[in-house]
């Protein structure tokens, strides 16, 4: 006579029934964390890189303090009436911008010179993300230029005597924007040449050597090419369209060259 098994017990020799998978309490899969660092993290890393070396910190200090020190020295020694503060602010803004070019070059070319670029691109293989994060040097340049411009204005208020402050706000704004532009031009040049001395020598030779000669013999041509003169012109309120085009041209060419060459260069 056959034995009747209980309905909830499996027959002898039958495989055990598979238990259904446990469902998530909320019914939603837990999020998977991406291994790539966020854009904010990359920007913070690049800013810290620029200020982590002695050369970077020295250039940042020079960008913030060199122009105010020169302003205080000239204003205290000069017996002539300055007339308006826009001229001195523009000149000192040019000086700050030229220092910030070196900071920008170090942010890109320095990695190739010291071979740290291999580690950077191993951690973040997408070069476009790294290049975009390195644009943070422009923000750093704007901050340092703002500090310098504020100190220059303070030195003029204390030492320049009776001068006109008409247009001072515009001049200060131009200096801050120029700080960002010159730092980015340096970053683009450094990325294109991948060699710190070569990038610095080439940039300063063109801006401080070739263009002044062009202005001497062909003033109309030099005024259309010189980024330093464009900053001074904007600070003093003259021909904004041409000056903006000059700065935009330099910025666009340097960044485009740096991006194209960096994407194609082998990391050895």
C-alpha atoms as a PDB file:
ATOM      1  CA  UNK A   1       0.000   0.000   0.000  1.00  0.00           C
ATOM      2  CA  UNK A   2       1.505   3.352  -1.041  1.00  0.00           C
ATOM      3  CA  UNK A   3       2.566   5.796   1.617  1.00  0.00           C
ATOM      4  CA  UNK A   4       1.043   9.236   1.296  1.00  0.00           C
ATOM      5  CA  UNK A   5       3.560  12.049   1.947  1.00  0.00           C
ATOM      6  CA  UNK A   6       2.549  15.394   3.372  1.00  0.00           C
ATOM      7  CA  UNK A   7       2.064  18.029   0.715  1.00  0.00           C
ATOM      8  CA  UNK A   8       4.796  20.294   2.098  1.00  0.00           C
ATOM      9  CA  UNK A   9       7.507  17.618   2.166  1.00  0.00           C
ATOM     10  CA  UNK A  10       9.445  16.582  -0.973  1.00  0.00           C
ATOM     11  CA  UNK A  11       9.475  12.951  -2.025  1.00  0.00           C
ATOM     12  CA  UNK A  12      12.546  10.860  -1.284  1.00  0.00           C
ATOM     13  CA  UNK A  13      15.186  11.373  -3.987  1.00  0.00           C
ATOM     14  CA  UNK A  14      13.522  14.480  -5.461  1.00  0.00           C
ATOM     15  CA  UNK A  15      15.717  17.611  -5.765  1.00  0.00           C
ATOM     16  CA  UNK A  16      14.970  20.359  -3.268  1.00  0.00           C
ATOM     17  CA  UNK A  17      12.852  23.159  -4.581  1.00  0.00           C
ATOM     18  CA  UNK A  18      14.773  26.354  -5.301  1.00  0.00           C
ATOM     19  CA  UNK A  19      13.934  29.203  -2.985  1.00  0.00           C
ATOM     20  CA  UNK A  20      12.857  32.436  -4.705  1.00  0.00           C
ATOM     21  CA  UNK A  21      15.407  35.311  -4.636  1.00  0.00           C
ATOM     22  CA  UNK A  22      14.982  37.740  -1.824  1.00  0.00           C
ATOM     23  CA  UNK A  23      13.471  40.940  -3.070  1.00  0.00           C
ATOM     24  CA  UNK A  24      14.899  44.313  -2.169  1.00  0.00           C
ATOM     25  CA  UNK A  25      12.764  45.993   0.490  1.00  0.00           C
ATOM     26  CA  UNK A  26      12.234  48.998  -1.739  1.00  0.00           C
ATOM     27  CA  UNK A  27      12.183  47.103  -5.004  1.00  0.00           C
ATOM     28  CA  UNK A  28      14.985  49.331  -6.395  1.00  0.00           C
ATOM     29  CA  UNK A  29      18.526  48.234  -7.112  1.00  0.00           C
ATOM     30  CA  UNK A  30      21.172  49.883  -4.958  1.00  0.00           C
ATOM     31  CA  UNK A  31      23.141  52.530  -6.869  1.00  0.00           C
ATOM     32  CA  UNK A  32      26.518  51.559  -8.245  1.00  0.00           C
ATOM     33  CA  UNK A  33      29.274  54.024  -7.463  1.00  0.00           C
ATOM     34  CA  UNK A  34      31.391  55.144 -10.375  1.00  0.00           C
ATOM     35  CA  UNK A  35      35.138  54.744 -10.028  1.00  0.00           C
ATOM     36  CA  UNK A  36      35.893  57.995 -11.894  1.00  0.00           C
ATOM     37  CA  UNK A  37      36.465  61.112  -9.768  1.00  0.00           C
ATOM     38  CA  UNK A  38      33.917  63.879 -10.045  1.00  0.00           C
ATOM     39  CA  UNK A  39      34.582  67.128 -11.867  1.00  0.00           C
ATOM     40  CA  UNK A  40      34.741  69.035  -8.576  1.00  0.00           C
ATOM     41  CA  UNK A  41      37.336  66.581  -7.266  1.00  0.00           C
ATOM     42  CA  UNK A  42      39.478  66.968 -10.371  1.00  0.00           C
ATOM     43  CA  UNK A  43      39.300  70.760 -10.168  1.00  0.00           C
ATOM     44  CA  UNK A  44      40.342  70.681  -6.508  1.00  0.00           C
ATOM     45  CA  UNK A  45      43.233  68.352  -7.331  1.00  0.00           C
ATOM     46  CA  UNK A  46      44.474  70.638 -10.101  1.00  0.00           C
ATOM     47  CA  UNK A  47      44.323  73.725  -7.875  1.00  0.00           C
ATOM     48  CA  UNK A  48      46.273  71.893  -5.165  1.00  0.00           C
ATOM     49  CA  UNK A  49      48.828  70.768  -7.750  1.00  0.00           C
ATOM     50  CA  UNK A  50      49.426  74.362  -8.821  1.00  0.00           C
ATOM     51  CA  UNK A  51      50.093  75.430  -5.233  1.00  0.00           C
ATOM     52  CA  UNK A  52      51.824  72.293  -3.931  1.00  0.00           C
ATOM     53  CA  UNK A  53      55.319  73.123  -5.224  1.00  0.00           C
ATOM     54  CA  UNK A  54      57.656  75.900  -4.154  1.00  0.00           C
ATOM     55  CA  UNK A  55      57.700  77.328  -7.666  1.00  0.00           C
ATOM     56  CA  UNK A  56      53.900  77.375  -7.800  1.00  0.00           C
ATOM     57  CA  UNK A  57      53.572  79.057  -4.419  1.00  0.00           C
ATOM     58  CA  UNK A  58      56.295  81.563  -5.311  1.00  0.00           C
ATOM     59  CA  UNK A  59      54.550  82.497  -8.554  1.00  0.00           C
ATOM     60  CA  UNK A  60      51.197  82.830  -6.788  1.00  0.00           C
ATOM     61  CA  UNK A  61      52.764  85.129  -4.182  1.00  0.00           C
ATOM     62  CA  UNK A  62      54.508  87.154  -6.890  1.00  0.00           C
ATOM     63  CA  UNK A  63      51.268  87.523  -8.855  1.00  0.00           C
ATOM     64  CA  UNK A  64      49.465  88.842  -5.792  1.00  0.00           C
ATOM     65  CA  UNK A  65      52.201  91.071  -4.334  1.00  0.00           C
ATOM     66  CA  UNK A  66      54.587  92.206  -7.085  1.00  0.00           C
ATOM     67  CA  UNK A  67      52.276  94.771  -8.674  1.00  0.00           C
ATOM     68  CA  UNK A  68      51.169  96.335  -5.335  1.00  0.00           C
ATOM     69  CA  UNK A  69      54.804  96.613  -4.231  1.00  0.00           C
ATOM     70  CA  UNK A  70      55.756  98.291  -7.515  1.00  0.00           C
ATOM     71  CA  UNK A  71      52.757 100.623  -7.227  1.00  0.00           C
ATOM     72  CA  UNK A  72      53.693 101.677  -3.697  1.00  0.00           C
ATOM     73  CA  UNK A  73      57.304 102.300  -4.717  1.00  0.00           C
ATOM     74  CA  UNK A  74      56.434 104.342  -7.802  1.00  0.00           C
ATOM     75  CA  UNK A  75      53.627 106.318  -6.153  1.00  0.00           C
ATOM     76  CA  UNK A  76      55.763 107.253  -3.154  1.00  0.00           C
ATOM     77  CA  UNK A  77      58.725 108.302  -5.304  1.00  0.00           C
ATOM     78  CA  UNK A  78      56.829 110.147  -8.039  1.00  0.00           C
ATOM     79  CA  UNK A  79      56.150 113.873  -7.799  1.00  0.00           C
ATOM     80  CA  UNK A  80      53.975 114.032 -10.915  1.00  0.00           C
ATOM     81  CA  UNK A  81      50.206 114.047 -10.898  1.00  0.00           C
ATOM     82  CA  UNK A  82      48.901 110.672 -12.031  1.00  0.00           C
ATOM     83  CA  UNK A  83      45.625 112.170 -13.226  1.00  0.00           C
ATOM     84  CA  UNK A  84      43.550 108.979 -13.222  1.00  0.00           C
ATOM     85  CA  UNK A  85      44.040 105.631 -11.525  1.00  0.00           C
ATOM     86  CA  UNK A  86      42.963 103.662 -14.596  1.00  0.00           C
ATOM     87  CA  UNK A  87      46.405 103.892 -16.215  1.00  0.00           C
ATOM     88  CA  UNK A  88      48.392 102.604 -13.211  1.00  0.00           C
ATOM     89  CA  UNK A  89      45.805  99.901 -12.534  1.00  0.00           C
ATOM     90  CA  UNK A  90      46.012  98.772 -16.169  1.00  0.00           C
ATOM     91  CA  UNK A  91      49.814  98.728 -16.204  1.00  0.00           C
ATOM     92  CA  UNK A  92      49.971  96.747 -12.974  1.00  0.00           C
ATOM     93  CA  UNK A  93      47.293  94.414 -14.323  1.00  0.00           C
ATOM     94  CA  UNK A  94      49.555  93.676 -17.296  1.00  0.00           C
ATOM     95  CA  UNK A  95      52.397  92.896 -14.898  1.00  0.00           C
ATOM     96  CA  UNK A  96      50.203  90.542 -12.879  1.00  0.00           C
ATOM     97  CA  UNK A  97      48.977  88.831 -16.032  1.00  0.00           C
ATOM     98  CA  UNK A  98      52.498  88.197 -17.294  1.00  0.00           C
ATOM     99  CA  UNK A  99      53.375  86.515 -13.985  1.00  0.00           C
ATOM    100  CA  UNK A 100      50.216  84.407 -14.147  1.00  0.00           C
ATOM    101  CA  UNK A 101      51.273  83.104 -17.565  1.00  0.00           C
ATOM    102  CA  UNK A 102      54.111  81.253 -15.811  1.00  0.00           C
ATOM    103  CA  UNK A 103      51.666  79.760 -13.294  1.00  0.00           C
ATOM    104  CA  UNK A 104      49.507  78.521 -16.160  1.00  0.00           C
ATOM    105  CA  UNK A 105      52.492  77.001 -17.965  1.00  0.00           C
ATOM    106  CA  UNK A 106      53.527  75.107 -14.835  1.00  0.00           C
ATOM    107  CA  UNK A 107      50.036  73.655 -14.443  1.00  0.00           C
ATOM    108  CA  UNK A 108      50.336  71.786 -17.759  1.00  0.00           C
ATOM    109  CA  UNK A 109      53.928  71.645 -18.998  1.00  0.00           C
ATOM    110  CA  UNK A 110      55.191  70.941 -15.487  1.00  0.00           C
ATOM    111  CA  UNK A 111      53.479  67.552 -15.497  1.00  0.00           C
ATOM    112  CA  UNK A 112      55.256  66.528 -18.689  1.00  0.00           C
ATOM    113  CA  UNK A 113      58.618  67.882 -17.498  1.00  0.00           C
ATOM    114  CA  UNK A 114      58.414  65.991 -14.176  1.00  0.00           C
ATOM    115  CA  UNK A 115      56.767  62.861 -15.674  1.00  0.00           C
ATOM    116  CA  UNK A 116      53.805  63.079 -13.301  1.00  0.00           C
ATOM    117  CA  UNK A 117      51.521  63.134 -16.343  1.00  0.00           C
ATOM    118  CA  UNK A 118      51.768  59.333 -16.510  1.00  0.00           C
ATOM    119  CA  UNK A 119      50.124  59.000 -13.104  1.00  0.00           C
ATOM    120  CA  UNK A 120      47.512  61.613 -13.971  1.00  0.00           C
ATOM    121  CA  UNK A 121      46.359  59.839 -17.127  1.00  0.00           C
ATOM    122  CA  UNK A 122      46.469  56.420 -15.513  1.00  0.00           C
ATOM    123  CA  UNK A 123      44.051  57.617 -12.849  1.00  0.00           C
ATOM    124  CA  UNK A 124      41.890  59.550 -15.347  1.00  0.00           C
ATOM    125  CA  UNK A 125      42.409  58.119 -18.854  1.00  0.00           C
ATOM    126  CA  UNK A 126      39.967  60.545 -20.466  1.00  0.00           C
ATOM    127  CA  UNK A 127      42.270  63.413 -21.366  1.00  0.00           C
ATOM    128  CA  UNK A 128      39.417  65.784 -22.087  1.00  0.00           C
ATOM    129  CA  UNK A 129      38.312  65.625 -18.442  1.00  0.00           C
ATOM    130  CA  UNK A 130      41.838  66.361 -17.244  1.00  0.00           C
ATOM    131  CA  UNK A 131      42.221  69.303 -19.625  1.00  0.00           C
ATOM    132  CA  UNK A 132      38.860  70.697 -18.545  1.00  0.00           C
ATOM    133  CA  UNK A 133      39.900  70.421 -14.892  1.00  0.00           C
ATOM    134  CA  UNK A 134      43.178  72.204 -15.631  1.00  0.00           C
ATOM    135  CA  UNK A 135      41.109  75.185 -16.764  1.00  0.00           C
ATOM    136  CA  UNK A 136      40.735  75.801 -13.018  1.00  0.00           C
ATOM    137  CA  UNK A 137      44.041  77.661 -13.284  1.00  0.00           C
ATOM    138  CA  UNK A 138      41.973  80.430 -14.877  1.00  0.00           C
ATOM    139  CA  UNK A 139      39.891  80.677 -11.704  1.00  0.00           C
ATOM    140  CA  UNK A 140      43.063  80.739  -9.642  1.00  0.00           C
ATOM    141  CA  UNK A 141      44.436  83.468 -11.895  1.00  0.00           C
ATOM    142  CA  UNK A 142      41.283  85.558 -11.455  1.00  0.00           C
ATOM    143  CA  UNK A 143      41.483  85.250  -7.659  1.00  0.00           C
ATOM    144  CA  UNK A 144      45.151  86.233  -7.525  1.00  0.00           C
ATOM    145  CA  UNK A 145      44.544  89.111  -9.947  1.00  0.00           C
ATOM    146  CA  UNK A 146      41.665  90.326  -7.774  1.00  0.00           C
ATOM    147  CA  UNK A 147      43.900  90.320  -4.690  1.00  0.00           C
ATOM    148  CA  UNK A 148      46.618  92.178  -6.591  1.00  0.00           C
ATOM    149  CA  UNK A 149      44.177  94.726  -8.028  1.00  0.00           C
ATOM    150  CA  UNK A 150      42.661  95.423  -4.612  1.00  0.00           C
ATOM    151  CA  UNK A 151      46.107  95.994  -3.096  1.00  0.00           C
ATOM    152  CA  UNK A 152      47.111  98.232  -6.019  1.00  0.00           C
ATOM    153  CA  UNK A 153      43.971 100.315  -5.515  1.00  0.00           C
ATOM    154  CA  UNK A 154      44.725 100.557  -1.798  1.00  0.00           C
ATOM    155  CA  UNK A 155      48.289 101.692  -2.457  1.00  0.00           C
ATOM    156  CA  UNK A 156      47.068 104.361  -4.886  1.00  0.00           C
ATOM    157  CA  UNK A 157      44.450 105.591  -2.393  1.00  0.00           C
ATOM    158  CA  UNK A 158      47.084 105.971   0.311  1.00  0.00           C
ATOM    159  CA  UNK A 159      50.037 107.305  -1.673  1.00  0.00           C
ATOM    160  CA  UNK A 160      48.835 108.859  -4.930  1.00  0.00           C
ATOM    161  CA  UNK A 161      47.172 111.897  -3.418  1.00  0.00           C
ATOM    162  CA  UNK A 162      44.447 113.678  -5.353  1.00  0.00           C
ATOM    163  CA  UNK A 163      43.696 111.509  -8.393  1.00  0.00           C
ATOM    164  CA  UNK A 164      40.558 110.774 -10.362  1.00  0.00           C
ATOM    165  CA  UNK A 165      38.822 107.474  -9.638  1.00  0.00           C
ATOM    166  CA  UNK A 166      36.503 107.669 -12.629  1.00  0.00           C
ATOM    167  CA  UNK A 167      36.514 104.303 -14.412  1.00  0.00           C
ATOM    168  CA  UNK A 168      38.338 102.558 -11.556  1.00  0.00           C
ATOM    169  CA  UNK A 169      35.674  99.862 -11.297  1.00  0.00           C
ATOM    170  CA  UNK A 170      35.993  99.054 -14.987  1.00  0.00           C
ATOM    171  CA  UNK A 171      39.778  98.930 -14.747  1.00  0.00           C
ATOM    172  CA  UNK A 172      39.662  96.577 -11.759  1.00  0.00           C
ATOM    173  CA  UNK A 173      37.234  94.294 -13.572  1.00  0.00           C
ATOM    174  CA  UNK A 174      39.503  94.210 -16.626  1.00  0.00           C
ATOM    175  CA  UNK A 175      42.491  93.255 -14.467  1.00  0.00           C
ATOM    176  CA  UNK A 176      40.596  90.363 -12.845  1.00  0.00           C
ATOM    177  CA  UNK A 177      39.413  89.047 -16.218  1.00  0.00           C
ATOM    178  CA  UNK A 178      42.903  89.466 -17.680  1.00  0.00           C
ATOM    179  CA  UNK A 179      44.327  87.382 -14.830  1.00  0.00           C
ATOM    180  CA  UNK A 180      42.100  84.476 -15.834  1.00  0.00           C
ATOM    181  CA  UNK A 181      42.858  84.930 -19.552  1.00  0.00           C
ATOM    182  CA  UNK A 182      46.642  85.099 -19.151  1.00  0.00           C
ATOM    183  CA  UNK A 183      46.708  82.084 -16.829  1.00  0.00           C
ATOM    184  CA  UNK A 184      44.705  80.079 -19.384  1.00  0.00           C
ATOM    185  CA  UNK A 185      46.969  81.241 -22.218  1.00  0.00           C
ATOM    186  CA  UNK A 186      49.923  79.938 -20.240  1.00  0.00           C
ATOM    187  CA  UNK A 187      48.154  76.626 -19.612  1.00  0.00           C
ATOM    188  CA  UNK A 188      47.419  76.221 -23.322  1.00  0.00           C
ATOM    189  CA  UNK A 189      50.993  77.063 -24.308  1.00  0.00           C
ATOM    190  CA  UNK A 190      52.380  74.655 -21.747  1.00  0.00           C
ATOM    191  CA  UNK A 191      50.082  71.857 -22.906  1.00  0.00           C
ATOM    192  CA  UNK A 192      51.063  72.427 -26.539  1.00  0.00           C
ATOM    193  CA  UNK A 193      54.842  72.421 -25.971  1.00  0.00           C
ATOM    194  CA  UNK A 194      54.978  70.041 -22.961  1.00  0.00           C
ATOM    195  CA  UNK A 195      58.195  71.712 -21.820  1.00  0.00           C
ATOM    196  CA  UNK A 196      58.243  74.443 -19.196  1.00  0.00           C
ATOM    197  CA  UNK A 197      61.364  76.383 -20.315  1.00  0.00           C
ATOM    198  CA  UNK A 198      60.353  76.201 -23.983  1.00  0.00           C
ATOM    199  CA  UNK A 199      56.801  77.388 -23.300  1.00  0.00           C
ATOM    200  CA  UNK A 200      57.909  80.269 -21.059  1.00  0.00           C
ATOM    201  CA  UNK A 201      60.699  81.361 -23.404  1.00  0.00           C
ATOM    202  CA  UNK A 202      58.468  81.250 -26.467  1.00  0.00           C
ATOM    203  CA  UNK A 203      55.619  83.183 -24.870  1.00  0.00           C
ATOM    204  CA  UNK A 204      57.740  85.918 -23.298  1.00  0.00           C
ATOM    205  CA  UNK A 205      59.913  86.230 -26.399  1.00  0.00           C
ATOM    206  CA  UNK A 206      56.861  86.906 -28.547  1.00  0.00           C
ATOM    207  CA  UNK A 207      55.001  89.198 -26.110  1.00  0.00           C
ATOM    208  CA  UNK A 208      57.977  91.100 -24.684  1.00  0.00           C
ATOM    209  CA  UNK A 209      60.384  90.958 -27.627  1.00  0.00           C
ATOM    210  CA  UNK A 210      58.760  90.492 -31.013  1.00  0.00           C
ATOM    211  CA  UNK A 211      55.543  92.456 -30.516  1.00  0.00           C
ATOM    212  CA  UNK A 212      57.261  95.610 -29.160  1.00  0.00           C
ATOM    213  CA  UNK A 213      59.426  95.613 -32.306  1.00  0.00           C
ATOM    214  CA  UNK A 214      56.337  95.210 -34.465  1.00  0.00           C
ATOM    215  CA  UNK A 215      54.701  98.141 -32.666  1.00  0.00           C
ATOM    216  CA  UNK A 216      57.788 100.256 -33.328  1.00  0.00           C
ATOM    217  CA  UNK A 217      57.797  99.727 -37.085  1.00  0.00           C
ATOM    218  CA  UNK A 218      54.134  98.848 -37.719  1.00  0.00           C
ATOM    219  CA  UNK A 219      52.037 100.360 -34.899  1.00  0.00           C
ATOM    220  CA  UNK A 220      48.709  99.484 -36.508  1.00  0.00           C
ATOM    221  CA  UNK A 221      49.745  95.815 -36.812  1.00  0.00           C
ATOM    222  CA  UNK A 222      51.205  95.614 -33.318  1.00  0.00           C
ATOM    223  CA  UNK A 223      48.053  97.017 -31.715  1.00  0.00           C
ATOM    224  CA  UNK A 224      46.065  94.204 -33.338  1.00  0.00           C
ATOM    225  CA  UNK A 225      48.344  91.480 -31.973  1.00  0.00           C
ATOM    226  CA  UNK A 226      49.575  92.545 -28.541  1.00  0.00           C
ATOM    227  CA  UNK A 227      47.548  91.085 -25.618  1.00  0.00           C
ATOM    228  CA  UNK A 228      49.326  93.263 -23.042  1.00  0.00           C
ATOM    229  CA  UNK A 229      48.397  96.430 -24.904  1.00  0.00           C
ATOM    230  CA  UNK A 230      44.818  95.134 -25.187  1.00  0.00           C
ATOM    231  CA  UNK A 231      44.586  94.902 -21.388  1.00  0.00           C
ATOM    232  CA  UNK A 232      45.871  98.443 -20.932  1.00  0.00           C
ATOM    233  CA  UNK A 233      43.480  99.754 -23.589  1.00  0.00           C
ATOM    234  CA  UNK A 234      40.472  98.047 -21.993  1.00  0.00           C
ATOM    235  CA  UNK A 235      41.418  99.301 -18.524  1.00  0.00           C
ATOM    236  CA  UNK A 236      41.514 102.869 -19.803  1.00  0.00           C
ATOM    237  CA  UNK A 237      38.212 102.526 -21.662  1.00  0.00           C
ATOM    238  CA  UNK A 238      39.429 102.581 -25.260  1.00  0.00           C
ATOM    239  CA  UNK A 239      38.406 100.517 -28.353  1.00  0.00           C
ATOM    240  CA  UNK A 240      36.873  97.542 -26.532  1.00  0.00           C
ATOM    241  CA  UNK A 241      35.976  95.542 -29.643  1.00  0.00           C
ATOM    242  CA  UNK A 242      39.493  95.262 -31.045  1.00  0.00           C
ATOM    243  CA  UNK A 243      41.052  94.617 -27.633  1.00  0.00           C
ATOM    244  CA  UNK A 244      38.533  91.877 -26.828  1.00  0.00           C
ATOM    245  CA  UNK A 245      39.178  90.247 -30.194  1.00  0.00           C
ATOM    246  CA  UNK A 246      42.940  90.281 -29.556  1.00  0.00           C
ATOM    247  CA  UNK A 247      42.553  88.584 -26.172  1.00  0.00           C
ATOM    248  CA  UNK A 248      39.989  86.112 -27.520  1.00  0.00           C
ATOM    249  CA  UNK A 249      42.306  85.226 -30.390  1.00  0.00           C
ATOM    250  CA  UNK A 250      45.266  84.538 -28.126  1.00  0.00           C
ATOM    251  CA  UNK A 251      43.119  82.539 -25.723  1.00  0.00           C
ATOM    252  CA  UNK A 252      41.435  80.497 -28.447  1.00  0.00           C
ATOM    253  CA  UNK A 253      44.631  79.649 -30.323  1.00  0.00           C
ATOM    254  CA  UNK A 254      46.581  78.656 -27.197  1.00  0.00           C
ATOM    255  CA  UNK A 255      43.787  76.485 -25.753  1.00  0.00           C
ATOM    256  CA  UNK A 256      43.029  74.825 -29.090  1.00  0.00           C
ATOM    257  CA  UNK A 257      46.709  74.054 -29.695  1.00  0.00           C
ATOM    258  CA  UNK A 258      47.106  72.645 -26.199  1.00  0.00           C
ATOM    259  CA  UNK A 259      44.003  70.448 -26.477  1.00  0.00           C
ATOM    260  CA  UNK A 260      44.820  69.057 -29.933  1.00  0.00           C
ATOM    261  CA  UNK A 261      48.466  68.288 -29.206  1.00  0.00           C
ATOM    262  CA  UNK A 262      47.749  66.781 -25.780  1.00  0.00           C
ATOM    263  CA  UNK A 263      45.105  64.420 -27.177  1.00  0.00           C
ATOM    264  CA  UNK A 264      47.555  63.108 -29.774  1.00  0.00           C
ATOM    265  CA  UNK A 265      50.742  63.033 -27.712  1.00  0.00           C
ATOM    266  CA  UNK A 266      51.915  59.646 -26.445  1.00  0.00           C
ATOM    267  CA  UNK A 267      52.419  59.311 -22.692  1.00  0.00           C
ATOM    268  CA  UNK A 268      55.733  57.454 -22.410  1.00  0.00           C
END
